[in-house]
């Protein structure tokens, strides 16, 4: 397998998105779009599938996570190939955990065949993840579920599909979502009217919002932690040692106003900086 495309976080990394491309694509096909919408504290990993023959395409060799034998939802599937690809994804998750990112701060995502792999990998991983973004895809080896699920039923899943998809029929996405909802508690299925087998600005905006929602605690906590030194500087500059307890009511109010101003200035700078990094 080729080396993954990695987009590093622009501030201290506290979360990771691992996103798998579709059949015949590479990690480069999604890295720029995802870099533009991820939070600044999120590292993006876009691996490239190994090149192998694909039965559906007359044995032609191309990047593929596993062999595709048919587009019939009830047709034969490449179970060994799917499980091997799943093991590779689990290895990437474990590498991030070893680097200090907990499983519940790791988002799996993918488009088409990559989205199918993301779903299967998340459901069969033994620790709860931050969530799964599954675009224009299906649940592979669906007859194994819910029995094959080893993960928590609380892991959020955002599944999106265009209703004009000629490659992975919209009905496949609907059926997969219905099955997922039967044993997972937090499944969202969103339809994009007129969208074919591709993404759109509206869909990417929704992906941006959902991964920010799943990881927003960290950005808020990071802001609170970073705010503390600013307040300490403001308070120490506003009163001499021991004078705090002796301050008059007016001085205390002045001190509070100073701290509040410092706090507001910090948040103003923080959000401007964040916008610049993302946009």
Foldseek 3Di string as FASTA:
>chain_A
DDAWDKDAAQDAAQAEEEEEEAWQDALVVCPVLCLLQAFSNYMYTYGWADWFFECVVVGDTGRAQFHDNDLPLPDDDRVVSLVVSLVVVVVVLVVVVVVPHDQQRYEYEYAARRLLSSVVSQQQDQEAHLAYEREAYAHPPLVCPPVNGNYDLAHAYEYEYECAEPRNHPVRSVVRQVSNVVRHPHYHYYYDYPDYRDDDPVRSNVVSVVSCVSNVVVVVVVLVVVLVVQLVVLLPVLDPPPCPVVDDPVSVVVSVVSSVVSSVVSVVVVVVVRNVSND
